[in-house]
PDB file of N, CA and C in Angstrom:
ATOM      1  N   UNK A   1     119.627 112.581  94.097  1.00  0.00           N
ATOM      2  CA  UNK A   1     118.629 112.799  95.215  1.00  0.00           C
ATOM      3  C   UNK A   1     117.314 112.802  94.610  1.00  0.00           C
ATOM      4  N   UNK A   2     116.431 111.888  95.304  1.00  0.00           N
ATOM      5  CA  UNK A   2     115.110 111.845  94.799  1.00  0.00           C
ATOM      6  C   UNK A   2     114.092 112.809  95.362  1.00  0.00           C
ATOM      7  N   UNK A   3     112.982 112.895  94.880  1.00  0.00           N
ATOM      8  CA  UNK A   3     111.979 113.793  95.262  1.00  0.00           C
ATOM      9  C   UNK A   3     111.324 113.189  96.644  1.00  0.00           C
ATOM     10  N   UNK A   4     111.111 114.030  97.637  1.00  0.00           N
ATOM     11  CA  UNK A   4     110.478 113.467  98.767  1.00  0.00           C
ATOM     12  C   UNK A   4     109.037 113.292  98.574  1.00  0.00           C
ATOM     13  N   UNK A   5     108.549 112.236  99.178  1.00  0.00           N
ATOM     14  CA  UNK A   5     107.011 111.974  99.057  1.00  0.00           C
ATOM     15  C   UNK A   5     106.247 112.463 100.213  1.00  0.00           C
ATOM     16  N   UNK A   6     105.272 113.275 100.001  1.00  0.00           N
ATOM     17  CA  UNK A   6     104.573 113.864 101.107  1.00  0.00           C
ATOM     18  C   UNK A   6     103.031 113.467 100.766  1.00  0.00           C
ATOM     19  N   UNK A   7     102.452 112.837 101.709  1.00  0.00           N
ATOM     20  CA  UNK A   7     101.027 112.388 101.472  1.00  0.00           C
ATOM     21  C   UNK A   7     100.147 113.079 102.531  1.00  0.00           C
ATOM     22  N   UNK A   8      99.033 113.728 102.051  1.00  0.00           N
ATOM     23  CA  UNK A   8      98.011 114.253 102.965  1.00  0.00           C
ATOM     24  C   UNK A   8      96.927 113.174 102.904  1.00  0.00           C
ATOM     25  N   UNK A   9      96.571 112.631 104.046  1.00  0.00           N
ATOM     26  CA  UNK A   9      95.390 111.775 104.267  1.00  0.00           C
ATOM     27  C   UNK A   9      94.091 112.451 104.309  1.00  0.00           C
ATOM     28  N   UNK A  10      93.139 111.930 103.719  1.00  0.00           N
ATOM     29  CA  UNK A  10      91.758 112.529 103.984  1.00  0.00           C
ATOM     30  C   UNK A  10      91.315 111.993 105.290  1.00  0.00           C
ATOM     31  N   UNK A  11      90.185 112.496 105.708  1.00  0.00           N
ATOM     32  CA  UNK A  11      89.682 112.102 107.041  1.00  0.00           C
ATOM     33  C   UNK A  11      89.485 110.504 107.207  1.00  0.00           C
ATOM     34  N   UNK A  12      88.768 109.957 106.196  1.00  0.00           N
ATOM     35  CA  UNK A  12      88.433 108.594 106.314  1.00  0.00           C
ATOM     36  C   UNK A  12      89.764 107.773 106.384  1.00  0.00           C
ATOM     37  N   UNK A  13      90.658 107.944 105.416  1.00  0.00           N
ATOM     38  CA  UNK A  13      91.852 107.234 105.359  1.00  0.00           C
ATOM     39  C   UNK A  13      92.609 107.442 106.683  1.00  0.00           C
ATOM     40  N   UNK A  14      92.653 108.527 107.283  1.00  0.00           N
ATOM     41  CA  UNK A  14      93.347 108.795 108.530  1.00  0.00           C
ATOM     42  C   UNK A  14      92.892 107.940 109.645  1.00  0.00           C
ATOM     43  N   UNK A  15      91.481 107.898 109.739  1.00  0.00           N
ATOM     44  CA  UNK A  15      90.759 107.105 110.833  1.00  0.00           C
ATOM     45  C   UNK A  15      91.028 105.674 110.543  1.00  0.00           C
ATOM     46  N   UNK A  16      91.018 105.206 109.341  1.00  0.00           N
ATOM     47  CA  UNK A  16      91.162 103.729 108.988  1.00  0.00           C
ATOM     48  C   UNK A  16      92.527 103.314 109.337  1.00  0.00           C
ATOM     49  N   UNK A  17      93.493 104.241 109.021  1.00  0.00           N
ATOM     50  CA  UNK A  17      94.865 103.804 109.180  1.00  0.00           C
ATOM     51  C   UNK A  17      95.189 103.843 110.600  1.00  0.00           C
ATOM     52  N   UNK A  18      94.779 104.773 111.439  1.00  0.00           N
ATOM     53  CA  UNK A  18      95.083 104.855 112.863  1.00  0.00           C
ATOM     54  C   UNK A  18      94.340 103.535 113.590  1.00  0.00           C
ATOM     55  N   UNK A  19      93.155 103.228 113.111  1.00  0.00           N
ATOM     56  CA  UNK A  19      92.456 102.113 113.766  1.00  0.00           C
ATOM     57  C   UNK A  19      92.784 100.776 113.112  1.00  0.00           C
ATOM     58  N   UNK A  20      93.860 100.885 112.239  1.00  0.00           N
ATOM     59  CA  UNK A  20      94.379  99.598 111.606  1.00  0.00           C
ATOM     60  C   UNK A  20      93.212  98.807 110.798  1.00  0.00           C
ATOM     61  N   UNK A  21      92.350  99.531 110.236  1.00  0.00           N
ATOM     62  CA  UNK A  21      91.262  98.973 109.392  1.00  0.00           C
ATOM     63  C   UNK A  21      91.779  98.945 107.959  1.00  0.00           C
ATOM     64  N   UNK A  22      92.833  98.326 107.796  1.00  0.00           N
ATOM     65  CA  UNK A  22      93.513  98.210 106.433  1.00  0.00           C
ATOM     66  C   UNK A  22      92.728  97.560 105.373  1.00  0.00           C
ATOM     67  N   UNK A  23      91.798  96.829 105.544  1.00  0.00           N
ATOM     68  CA  UNK A  23      90.928  96.192 104.659  1.00  0.00           C
ATOM     69  C   UNK A  23      90.024  97.155 103.999  1.00  0.00           C
ATOM     70  N   UNK A  24      89.884  98.396 104.584  1.00  0.00           N
ATOM     71  CA  UNK A  24      88.900  99.341 103.914  1.00  0.00           C
ATOM     72  C   UNK A  24      89.503 100.179 102.859  1.00  0.00           C
ATOM     73  N   UNK A  25      90.825 100.027 102.516  1.00  0.00           N
ATOM     74  CA  UNK A  25      91.479 100.678 101.409  1.00  0.00           C
ATOM     75  C   UNK A  25      92.484  99.779 100.796  1.00  0.00           C
ATOM     76  N   UNK A  26      92.868 100.127  99.557  1.00  0.00           N
ATOM     77  CA  UNK A  26      93.764  99.127  98.829  1.00  0.00           C
ATOM     78  C   UNK A  26      95.065  98.928  99.500  1.00  0.00           C
ATOM     79  N   UNK A  27      95.629  97.777  99.393  1.00  0.00           N
ATOM     80  CA  UNK A  27      96.833  97.467 100.123  1.00  0.00           C
ATOM     81  C   UNK A  27      98.104  98.379  99.716  1.00  0.00           C
ATOM     82  N   UNK A  28      98.116  98.849  98.485  1.00  0.00           N
ATOM     83  CA  UNK A  28      99.236  99.675  98.104  1.00  0.00           C
ATOM     84  C   UNK A  28      99.084 101.131  98.721  1.00  0.00           C
ATOM     85  N   UNK A  29      98.023 101.482  99.212  1.00  0.00           N
ATOM     86  CA  UNK A  29      97.818 102.736 100.045  1.00  0.00           C
ATOM     87  C   UNK A  29      98.571 102.687 101.368  1.00  0.00           C
ATOM     88  N   UNK A  30      98.420 101.507 102.092  1.00  0.00           N
ATOM     89  CA  UNK A  30      99.161 101.240 103.250  1.00  0.00           C
ATOM     90  C   UNK A  30     100.692 101.426 103.060  1.00  0.00           C
ATOM     91  N   UNK A  31     101.081 100.679 102.101  1.00  0.00           N
ATOM     92  CA  UNK A  31     102.546 100.782 101.794  1.00  0.00           C
ATOM     93  C   UNK A  31     103.057 102.150 101.443  1.00  0.00           C
ATOM     94  N   UNK A  32     102.297 102.836 100.706  1.00  0.00           N
ATOM     95  CA  UNK A  32     102.600 104.330 100.323  1.00  0.00           C
ATOM     96  C   UNK A  32     102.674 105.158 101.597  1.00  0.00           C
ATOM     97  N   UNK A  33     101.647 104.916 102.528  1.00  0.00           N
ATOM     98  CA  UNK A  33     101.579 105.782 103.713  1.00  0.00           C
ATOM     99  C   UNK A  33     102.840 105.388 104.554  1.00  0.00           C
ATOM    100  N   UNK A  34     103.074 104.201 104.767  1.00  0.00           N
ATOM    101  CA  UNK A  34     104.196 103.742 105.585  1.00  0.00           C
ATOM    102  C   UNK A  34     105.535 104.069 105.153  1.00  0.00           C
ATOM    103  N   UNK A  35     105.710 104.157 103.803  1.00  0.00           N
ATOM    104  CA  UNK A  35     106.991 104.406 103.200  1.00  0.00           C
ATOM    105  C   UNK A  35     107.246 105.903 102.845  1.00  0.00           C
ATOM    106  N   UNK A  36     106.300 106.822 102.961  1.00  0.00           N
ATOM    107  CA  UNK A  36     106.299 108.167 102.594  1.00  0.00           C
ATOM    108  C   UNK A  36     107.216 108.858 103.435  1.00  0.00           C
ATOM    109  N   UNK A  37     107.950 109.879 102.981  1.00  0.00           N
ATOM    110  CA  UNK A  37     108.837 110.707 103.792  1.00  0.00           C
ATOM    111  C   UNK A  37     108.126 111.616 104.787  1.00  0.00           C
ATOM    112  N   UNK A  38     106.869 111.942 104.469  1.00  0.00           N
ATOM    113  CA  UNK A  38     106.059 112.723 105.410  1.00  0.00           C
ATOM    114  C   UNK A  38     104.612 112.441 105.175  1.00  0.00           C
ATOM    115  N   UNK A  39     103.853 112.198 106.186  1.00  0.00           N
ATOM    116  CA  UNK A  39     102.353 111.945 106.081  1.00  0.00           C
ATOM    117  C   UNK A  39     101.747 112.946 107.114  1.00  0.00           C
ATOM    118  N   UNK A  40     100.669 113.521 106.543  1.00  0.00           N
ATOM    119  CA  UNK A  40     100.073 114.488 107.335  1.00  0.00           C
ATOM    120  C   UNK A  40      98.574 114.501 107.109  1.00  0.00           C
ATOM    121  N   UNK A  41      97.880 115.465 107.829  1.00  0.00           N
ATOM    122  CA  UNK A  41      96.433 115.790 107.675  1.00  0.00           C
ATOM    123  C   UNK A  41      96.157 117.237 107.634  1.00  0.00           C
ATOM    124  N   UNK A  42      95.113 117.650 107.132  1.00  0.00           N
ATOM    125  CA  UNK A  42      94.597 119.081 107.147  1.00  0.00           C
ATOM    126  C   UNK A  42      93.937 119.228 108.481  1.00  0.00           C
ATOM    127  N   UNK A  43      93.972 120.434 109.164  1.00  0.00           N
ATOM    128  CA  UNK A  43      93.124 120.668 110.338  1.00  0.00           C
ATOM    129  C   UNK A  43      91.794 120.406 110.021  1.00  0.00           C
ATOM    130  N   UNK A  44      91.261 120.457 108.810  1.00  0.00           N
ATOM    131  CA  UNK A  44      89.878 120.103 108.399  1.00  0.00           C
ATOM    132  C   UNK A  44      89.429 118.730 108.969  1.00  0.00           C
ATOM    133  N   UNK A  45      90.464 117.759 108.834  1.00  0.00           N
ATOM    134  CA  UNK A  45      90.126 116.486 109.230  1.00  0.00           C
ATOM    135  C   UNK A  45      89.835 116.415 110.797  1.00  0.00           C
ATOM    136  N   UNK A  46      90.573 117.203 111.544  1.00  0.00           N
ATOM    137  CA  UNK A  46      90.189 117.094 112.991  1.00  0.00           C
ATOM    138  C   UNK A  46      88.878 117.713 113.274  1.00  0.00           C
ATOM    139  N   UNK A  47      88.470 118.693 112.486  1.00  0.00           N
ATOM    140  CA  UNK A  47      87.210 119.232 112.634  1.00  0.00           C
ATOM    141  C   UNK A  47      86.125 118.216 112.315  1.00  0.00           C
ATOM    142  N   UNK A  48      86.372 117.511 111.148  1.00  0.00           N
ATOM    143  CA  UNK A  48      85.386 116.398 110.722  1.00  0.00           C
ATOM    144  C   UNK A  48      85.341 115.281 111.718  1.00  0.00           C
ATOM    145  N   UNK A  49      86.414 114.825 112.329  1.00  0.00           N
ATOM    146  CA  UNK A  49      86.331 113.784 113.373  1.00  0.00           C
ATOM    147  C   UNK A  49      85.527 114.270 114.491  1.00  0.00           C
ATOM    148  N   UNK A  50      85.811 115.438 115.000  1.00  0.00           N
ATOM    149  CA  UNK A  50      85.211 115.974 116.252  1.00  0.00           C
ATOM    150  C   UNK A  50      83.638 116.195 115.955  1.00  0.00           C
ATOM    151  N   UNK A  51      83.336 116.632 114.768  1.00  0.00           N
ATOM    152  CA  UNK A  51      81.876 116.775 114.384  1.00  0.00           C
ATOM    153  C   UNK A  51      81.219 115.528 114.349  1.00  0.00           C
ATOM    154  N   UNK A  52      81.830 114.451 113.633  1.00  0.00           N
ATOM    155  CA  UNK A  52      81.299 113.109 113.535  1.00  0.00           C
ATOM    156  C   UNK A  52      81.063 112.483 114.775  1.00  0.00           C
ATOM    157  N   UNK A  53      81.975 112.728 115.735  1.00  0.00           N
ATOM    158  CA  UNK A  53      81.886 112.124 117.184  1.00  0.00           C
ATOM    159  C   UNK A  53      80.703 112.728 117.866  1.00  0.00           C
ATOM    160  N   UNK A  54      80.696 114.106 117.639  1.00  0.00           N
ATOM    161  CA  UNK A  54      79.525 114.920 118.392  1.00  0.00           C
ATOM    162  C   UNK A  54      78.137 114.381 117.971  1.00  0.00           C
ATOM    163  N   UNK A  55      78.048 114.146 116.606  1.00  0.00           N
ATOM    164  CA  UNK A  55      76.880 113.813 116.005  1.00  0.00           C
ATOM    165  C   UNK A  55      76.473 112.259 116.084  1.00  0.00           C
ATOM    166  N   UNK A  56      77.333 111.563 116.736  1.00  0.00           N
ATOM    167  CA  UNK A  56      77.144 110.121 116.942  1.00  0.00           C
ATOM    168  C   UNK A  56      77.394 109.354 115.781  1.00  0.00           C
ATOM    169  N   UNK A  57      78.116 109.782 114.722  1.00  0.00           N
ATOM    170  CA  UNK A  57      78.343 109.076 113.585  1.00  0.00           C
ATOM    171  C   UNK A  57      79.777 108.352 113.636  1.00  0.00           C
ATOM    172  N   UNK A  58      80.494 108.689 114.561  1.00  0.00           N
ATOM    173  CA  UNK A  58      81.860 108.079 114.845  1.00  0.00           C
ATOM    174  C   UNK A  58      82.019 107.741 116.276  1.00  0.00           C
ATOM    175  N   UNK A  59      82.387 106.533 116.548  1.00  0.00           N
ATOM    176  CA  UNK A  59      82.662 106.147 117.857  1.00  0.00           C
ATOM    177  C   UNK A  59      84.216 106.039 118.054  1.00  0.00           C
ATOM    178  N   UNK A  60      84.710 106.825 118.893  1.00  0.00           N
ATOM    179  CA  UNK A  60      86.135 106.826 119.250  1.00  0.00           C
ATOM    180  C   UNK A  60      86.378 106.162 120.618  1.00  0.00           C
ATOM    181  N   UNK A  61      87.426 105.521 120.956  1.00  0.00           N
ATOM    182  CA  UNK A  61      87.666 105.067 122.208  1.00  0.00           C
ATOM    183  C   UNK A  61      87.805 106.064 123.260  1.00  0.00           C
ATOM    184  N   UNK A  62      87.970 107.404 123.074  1.00  0.00           N
ATOM    185  CA  UNK A  62      88.135 108.405 123.951  1.00  0.00           C
ATOM    186  C   UNK A  62      87.538 109.694 123.478  1.00  0.00           C
ATOM    187  N   UNK A  63      87.661 110.830 124.251  1.00  0.00           N
ATOM    188  CA  UNK A  63      87.198 112.092 123.607  1.00  0.00           C
ATOM    189  C   UNK A  63      88.141 112.434 122.483  1.00  0.00           C
ATOM    190  N   UNK A  64      87.562 113.362 121.696  1.00  0.00           N
ATOM    191  CA  UNK A  64      88.305 113.621 120.326  1.00  0.00           C
ATOM    192  C   UNK A  64      89.685 114.282 120.664  1.00  0.00           C
ATOM    193  N   UNK A  65      89.795 115.257 121.629  1.00  0.00           N
ATOM    194  CA  UNK A  65      91.059 115.866 121.963  1.00  0.00           C
ATOM    195  C   UNK A  65      92.174 114.732 122.252  1.00  0.00           C
ATOM    196  N   UNK A  66      91.728 113.856 123.002  1.00  0.00           N
ATOM    197  CA  UNK A  66      92.739 112.764 123.337  1.00  0.00           C
ATOM    198  C   UNK A  66      93.223 111.960 122.130  1.00  0.00           C
ATOM    199  N   UNK A  67      92.074 111.608 121.403  1.00  0.00           N
ATOM    200  CA  UNK A  67      92.254 110.797 120.294  1.00  0.00           C
ATOM    201  C   UNK A  67      93.220 111.541 119.262  1.00  0.00           C
ATOM    202  N   UNK A  68      93.146 112.832 119.062  1.00  0.00           N
ATOM    203  CA  UNK A  68      93.962 113.524 118.286  1.00  0.00           C
ATOM    204  C   UNK A  68      95.436 113.474 118.677  1.00  0.00           C
ATOM    205  N   UNK A  69      95.648 113.663 119.993  1.00  0.00           N
ATOM    206  CA  UNK A  69      96.996 113.479 120.645  1.00  0.00           C
ATOM    207  C   UNK A  69      97.575 112.122 120.276  1.00  0.00           C
ATOM    208  N   UNK A  70      96.817 111.091 120.333  1.00  0.00           N
ATOM    209  CA  UNK A  70      97.309 109.836 120.131  1.00  0.00           C
ATOM    210  C   UNK A  70      97.404 109.454 118.548  1.00  0.00           C
ATOM    211  N   UNK A  71      96.630 110.184 117.867  1.00  0.00           N
ATOM    212  CA  UNK A  71      96.602 109.861 116.441  1.00  0.00           C
ATOM    213  C   UNK A  71      97.510 110.770 115.496  1.00  0.00           C
ATOM    214  N   UNK A  72      98.318 111.553 116.190  1.00  0.00           N
ATOM    215  CA  UNK A  72      99.136 112.472 115.363  1.00  0.00           C
ATOM    216  C   UNK A  72     100.654 112.206 115.728  1.00  0.00           C
ATOM    217  N   UNK A  73     101.213 113.000 116.631  1.00  0.00           N
ATOM    218  CA  UNK A  73     102.557 112.845 116.885  1.00  0.00           C
ATOM    219  C   UNK A  73     103.142 111.477 117.150  1.00  0.00           C
ATOM    220  N   UNK A  74     102.585 110.671 118.010  1.00  0.00           N
ATOM    221  CA  UNK A  74     103.074 109.299 118.231  1.00  0.00           C
ATOM    222  C   UNK A  74     103.118 108.361 116.920  1.00  0.00           C
ATOM    223  N   UNK A  75     102.170 108.806 116.061  1.00  0.00           N
ATOM    224  CA  UNK A  75     102.132 107.921 114.898  1.00  0.00           C
ATOM    225  C   UNK A  75     103.147 108.517 113.744  1.00  0.00           C
ATOM    226  N   UNK A  76     103.610 109.722 113.924  1.00  0.00           N
ATOM    227  CA  UNK A  76     104.326 110.305 112.930  1.00  0.00           C
ATOM    228  C   UNK A  76     103.610 111.038 111.840  1.00  0.00           C
ATOM    229  N   UNK A  77     102.298 111.204 112.147  1.00  0.00           N
ATOM    230  CA  UNK A  77     101.484 111.911 111.188  1.00  0.00           C
ATOM    231  C   UNK A  77     101.441 113.404 111.532  1.00  0.00           C
ATOM    232  N   UNK A  78     101.778 114.334 110.704  1.00  0.00           N
ATOM    233  CA  UNK A  78     101.871 115.709 110.904  1.00  0.00           C
ATOM    234  C   UNK A  78     100.383 116.453 110.633  1.00  0.00           C
ATOM    235  N   UNK A  79     100.283 117.419 111.504  1.00  0.00           N
ATOM    236  CA  UNK A  79      99.113 118.211 111.413  1.00  0.00           C
ATOM    237  C   UNK A  79      99.650 119.489 110.543  1.00  0.00           C
ATOM    238  N   UNK A  80      99.258 119.537 109.334  1.00  0.00           N
ATOM    239  CA  UNK A  80      99.635 120.709 108.567  1.00  0.00           C
ATOM    240  C   UNK A  80      98.910 121.938 108.898  1.00  0.00           C
ATOM    241  N   UNK A  81      99.494 123.073 108.771  1.00  0.00           N
ATOM    242  CA  UNK A  81      98.774 124.278 109.302  1.00  0.00           C
ATOM    243  C   UNK A  81      97.951 124.615 108.257  1.00  0.00           C
ATOM    244  N   UNK A  82      96.864 125.396 108.798  1.00  0.00           N
ATOM    245  CA  UNK A  82      95.722 126.138 107.880  1.00  0.00           C
ATOM    246  C   UNK A  82      96.233 127.509 107.934  1.00  0.00           C
ATOM    247  N   UNK A  83      96.922 127.968 106.866  1.00  0.00           N
ATOM    248  CA  UNK A  83      97.478 129.266 106.766  1.00  0.00           C
ATOM    249  C   UNK A  83      96.584 130.222 106.071  1.00  0.00           C
ATOM    250  N   UNK A  84      96.890 131.476 106.226  1.00  0.00           N
ATOM    251  CA  UNK A  84      96.177 132.554 105.454  1.00  0.00           C
ATOM    252  C   UNK A  84      96.127 132.359 104.054  1.00  0.00           C
ATOM    253  N   UNK A  85      97.405 131.787 103.517  1.00  0.00           N
ATOM    254  CA  UNK A  85      97.599 131.540 102.139  1.00  0.00           C
ATOM    255  C   UNK A  85      96.589 130.423 101.602  1.00  0.00           C
ATOM    256  N   UNK A  86      96.434 129.480 102.428  1.00  0.00           N
ATOM    257  CA  UNK A  86      95.510 128.310 102.033  1.00  0.00           C
ATOM    258  C   UNK A  86      94.052 128.896 102.049  1.00  0.00           C
ATOM    259  N   UNK A  87      93.700 129.601 103.051  1.00  0.00           N
ATOM    260  CA  UNK A  87      92.359 130.238 103.053  1.00  0.00           C
ATOM    261  C   UNK A  87      92.100 131.090 101.855  1.00  0.00           C
ATOM    262  N   UNK A  88      93.065 132.003 101.548  1.00  0.00           N
ATOM    263  CA  UNK A  88      92.880 132.831 100.363  1.00  0.00           C
ATOM    264  C   UNK A  88      92.766 132.043  99.186  1.00  0.00           C
ATOM    265  N   UNK A  89      93.805 131.096  98.878  1.00  0.00           N
ATOM    266  CA  UNK A  89      93.727 130.342  97.598  1.00  0.00           C
ATOM    267  C   UNK A  89      92.554 129.394  97.428  1.00  0.00           C
ATOM    268  N   UNK A  90      91.957 128.908  98.654  1.00  0.00           N
ATOM    269  CA  UNK A  90      90.785 128.126  98.572  1.00  0.00           C
ATOM    270  C   UNK A  90      89.689 128.669  97.852  1.00  0.00           C
ATOM    271  N   UNK A  91      89.443 130.042  97.871  1.00  0.00           N
ATOM    272  CA  UNK A  91      88.365 130.537  97.274  1.00  0.00           C
ATOM    273  C   UNK A  91      88.601 130.705  95.730  1.00  0.00           C
ATOM    274  N   UNK A  92      89.815 130.454  95.325  1.00  0.00           N
ATOM    275  CA  UNK A  92      90.185 130.676  93.820  1.00  0.00           C
ATOM    276  C   UNK A  92      90.467 129.287  93.117  1.00  0.00           C
ATOM    277  N   UNK A  93      89.806 128.231  93.588  1.00  0.00           N
ATOM    278  CA  UNK A  93      90.136 126.890  92.862  1.00  0.00           C
ATOM    279  C   UNK A  93      89.506 126.941  91.516  1.00  0.00           C
ATOM    280  N   UNK A  94      90.093 126.203  90.544  1.00  0.00           N
ATOM    281  CA  UNK A  94      89.583 126.123  89.137  1.00  0.00           C
ATOM    282  C   UNK A  94      88.185 125.716  89.106  1.00  0.00           C
ATOM    283  N   UNK A  95      87.438 125.895  88.082  1.00  0.00           N
ATOM    284  CA  UNK A  95      86.088 125.591  87.922  1.00  0.00           C
ATOM    285  C   UNK A  95      85.959 123.882  88.196  1.00  0.00           C
ATOM    286  N   UNK A  96      86.929 123.132  87.561  1.00  0.00           N
ATOM    287  CA  UNK A  96      86.911 121.712  87.727  1.00  0.00           C
ATOM    288  C   UNK A  96      86.828 121.413  89.225  1.00  0.00           C
ATOM    289  N   UNK A  97      87.891 122.008  89.913  1.00  0.00           N
ATOM    290  CA  UNK A  97      88.044 121.685  91.338  1.00  0.00           C
ATOM    291  C   UNK A  97      86.729 122.103  92.062  1.00  0.00           C
ATOM    292  N   UNK A  98      86.159 123.195  91.706  1.00  0.00           N
ATOM    293  CA  UNK A  98      84.914 123.682  92.368  1.00  0.00           C
ATOM    294  C   UNK A  98      83.774 122.712  92.218  1.00  0.00           C
ATOM    295  N   UNK A  99      83.768 121.918  91.089  1.00  0.00           N
ATOM    296  CA  UNK A  99      82.736 120.860  90.971  1.00  0.00           C
ATOM    297  C   UNK A  99      82.887 119.872  92.131  1.00  0.00           C
ATOM    298  N   UNK A 100      84.067 119.480  92.411  1.00  0.00           N
ATOM    299  CA  UNK A 100      84.477 118.504  93.478  1.00  0.00           C
ATOM    300  C   UNK A 100      84.431 118.995  94.818  1.00  0.00           C
ATOM    301  N   UNK A 101      84.816 120.274  94.889  1.00  0.00           N
ATOM    302  CA  UNK A 101      84.972 120.877  96.278  1.00  0.00           C
ATOM    303  C   UNK A 101      83.702 121.636  96.587  1.00  0.00           C
ATOM    304  N   UNK A 102      82.572 120.995  96.909  1.00  0.00           N
ATOM    305  CA  UNK A 102      81.430 121.661  97.094  1.00  0.00           C
ATOM    306  C   UNK A 102      81.302 122.504  98.419  1.00  0.00           C
ATOM    307  N   UNK A 103      82.104 122.225  99.357  1.00  0.00           N
ATOM    308  CA  UNK A 103      82.032 122.944 100.618  1.00  0.00           C
ATOM    309  C   UNK A 103      83.333 123.773 100.882  1.00  0.00           C
ATOM    310  N   UNK A 104      83.260 124.727 101.647  1.00  0.00           N
ATOM    311  CA  UNK A 104      84.328 125.513 102.102  1.00  0.00           C
ATOM    312  C   UNK A 104      85.406 124.577 102.818  1.00  0.00           C
ATOM    313  N   UNK A 105      84.940 123.681 103.591  1.00  0.00           N
ATOM    314  CA  UNK A 105      85.909 122.816 104.368  1.00  0.00           C
ATOM    315  C   UNK A 105      86.752 121.988 103.292  1.00  0.00           C
ATOM    316  N   UNK A 106      86.014 121.460 102.316  1.00  0.00           N
ATOM    317  CA  UNK A 106      86.777 120.673 101.350  1.00  0.00           C
ATOM    318  C   UNK A 106      87.871 121.567 100.515  1.00  0.00           C
ATOM    319  N   UNK A 107      87.327 122.633 100.334  1.00  0.00           N
ATOM    320  CA  UNK A 107      88.223 123.632  99.398  1.00  0.00           C
ATOM    321  C   UNK A 107      89.585 123.919 100.364  1.00  0.00           C
ATOM    322  N   UNK A 108      89.382 124.137 101.650  1.00  0.00           N
ATOM    323  CA  UNK A 108      90.557 124.279 102.427  1.00  0.00           C
ATOM    324  C   UNK A 108      91.447 123.055 102.546  1.00  0.00           C
ATOM    325  N   UNK A 109      90.866 121.891 102.506  1.00  0.00           N
ATOM    326  CA  UNK A 109      91.563 120.676 102.528  1.00  0.00           C
ATOM    327  C   UNK A 109      92.392 120.599 101.148  1.00  0.00           C
ATOM    328  N   UNK A 110      91.801 120.939 100.090  1.00  0.00           N
ATOM    329  CA  UNK A 110      92.472 120.732  98.848  1.00  0.00           C
ATOM    330  C   UNK A 110      93.657 121.691  98.751  1.00  0.00           C
ATOM    331  N   UNK A 111      93.491 122.939  99.295  1.00  0.00           N
ATOM    332  CA  UNK A 111      94.558 123.927  99.291  1.00  0.00           C
ATOM    333  C   UNK A 111      95.691 123.551 100.149  1.00  0.00           C
ATOM    334  N   UNK A 112      95.383 122.830 101.318  1.00  0.00           N
ATOM    335  CA  UNK A 112      96.424 122.346 102.153  1.00  0.00           C
ATOM    336  C   UNK A 112      97.281 121.260 101.489  1.00  0.00           C
ATOM    337  N   UNK A 113      96.553 120.488 100.718  1.00  0.00           N
ATOM    338  CA  UNK A 113      97.337 119.506  99.905  1.00  0.00           C
ATOM    339  C   UNK A 113      98.301 120.203  98.844  1.00  0.00           C
ATOM    340  N   UNK A 114      97.778 121.061  98.152  1.00  0.00           N
ATOM    341  CA  UNK A 114      98.531 121.780  97.073  1.00  0.00           C
ATOM    342  C   UNK A 114      99.709 122.430  97.562  1.00  0.00           C
ATOM    343  N   UNK A 115      99.525 123.212  98.647  1.00  0.00           N
ATOM    344  CA  UNK A 115     100.556 124.175  99.107  1.00  0.00           C
ATOM    345  C   UNK A 115     101.624 123.404  99.926  1.00  0.00           C
ATOM    346  N   UNK A 116     101.280 122.193 100.279  1.00  0.00           N
ATOM    347  CA  UNK A 116     102.392 121.410 100.907  1.00  0.00           C
ATOM    348  C   UNK A 116     103.040 120.515  99.954  1.00  0.00           C
ATOM    349  N   UNK A 117     102.725 120.690  98.709  1.00  0.00           N
ATOM    350  CA  UNK A 117     103.436 119.828  97.620  1.00  0.00           C
ATOM    351  C   UNK A 117     103.199 118.357  97.828  1.00  0.00           C
ATOM    352  N   UNK A 118     101.947 118.011  98.246  1.00  0.00           N
ATOM    353  CA  UNK A 118     101.597 116.540  98.649  1.00  0.00           C
ATOM    354  C   UNK A 118     100.885 115.926  97.505  1.00  0.00           C
ATOM    355  N   UNK A 119     100.951 114.582  97.636  1.00  0.00           N
ATOM    356  CA  UNK A 119     100.085 113.710  96.921  1.00  0.00           C
ATOM    357  C   UNK A 119      98.870 113.471  97.907  1.00  0.00           C
ATOM    358  N   UNK A 120      97.798 112.980  97.498  1.00  0.00           N
ATOM    359  CA  UNK A 120      96.557 112.744  98.397  1.00  0.00           C
ATOM    360  C   UNK A 120      96.221 111.350  98.269  1.00  0.00           C
ATOM    361  N   UNK A 121      95.998 110.797  99.522  1.00  0.00           N
ATOM    362  CA  UNK A 121      95.403 109.518  99.690  1.00  0.00           C
ATOM    363  C   UNK A 121      93.965 109.635 100.211  1.00  0.00           C
ATOM    364  N   UNK A 122      93.019 109.441  99.369  1.00  0.00           N
ATOM    365  CA  UNK A 122      91.707 109.688  99.841  1.00  0.00           C
ATOM    366  C   UNK A 122      90.702 108.781  99.282  1.00  0.00           C
ATOM    367  N   UNK A 123      89.479 108.752  99.936  1.00  0.00           N
ATOM    368  CA  UNK A 123      88.369 107.923  99.615  1.00  0.00           C
ATOM    369  C   UNK A 123      87.855 108.388  98.194  1.00  0.00           C
ATOM    370  N   UNK A 124      87.630 109.614  98.077  1.00  0.00           N
ATOM    371  CA  UNK A 124      86.898 110.148  96.934  1.00  0.00           C
ATOM    372  C   UNK A 124      87.958 110.867  95.905  1.00  0.00           C
ATOM    373  N   UNK A 125      88.084 110.436  94.750  1.00  0.00           N
ATOM    374  CA  UNK A 125      89.092 110.951  93.889  1.00  0.00           C
ATOM    375  C   UNK A 125      88.748 112.460  93.567  1.00  0.00           C
ATOM    376  N   UNK A 126      89.715 113.284  93.810  1.00  0.00           N
ATOM    377  CA  UNK A 126      89.645 114.714  93.538  1.00  0.00           C
ATOM    378  C   UNK A 126      90.907 115.042  92.643  1.00  0.00           C
ATOM    379  N   UNK A 127      90.661 116.192  91.928  1.00  0.00           N
ATOM    380  CA  UNK A 127      91.946 116.485  91.081  1.00  0.00           C
ATOM    381  C   UNK A 127      92.767 117.390  91.940  1.00  0.00           C
ATOM    382  N   UNK A 128      94.027 116.905  92.164  1.00  0.00           N
ATOM    383  CA  UNK A 128      94.966 117.584  92.929  1.00  0.00           C
ATOM    384  C   UNK A 128      96.192 117.823  92.142  1.00  0.00           C
TER     385      UNK A 128
END
């Protein structure tokens, strides 16, 4: 029995994947996403999408709430929970991680990845 592959997409990769903008990331990422046992996002990604849309930095074909509905369950992408454990552990990242996780939002994202036993597909490499 093999180890199941769980991938947490960062916000950019999630948007590009849903919008089928596959030229924006390496081809092997698409294959990894499509063949993973489970693919998900952190609630932080929903926040970032809604904020980017509100600030005019992201044009979605509909309001964010509807886009989330269409970009999650129908696509097989899981919205991982933001738990008390994730919030607590996010403040205790190692010094190396803290250099990369400059904001509280990114810290919560990193802990979501770690506590779900996931690999990460992301635009900017972080230590996970």
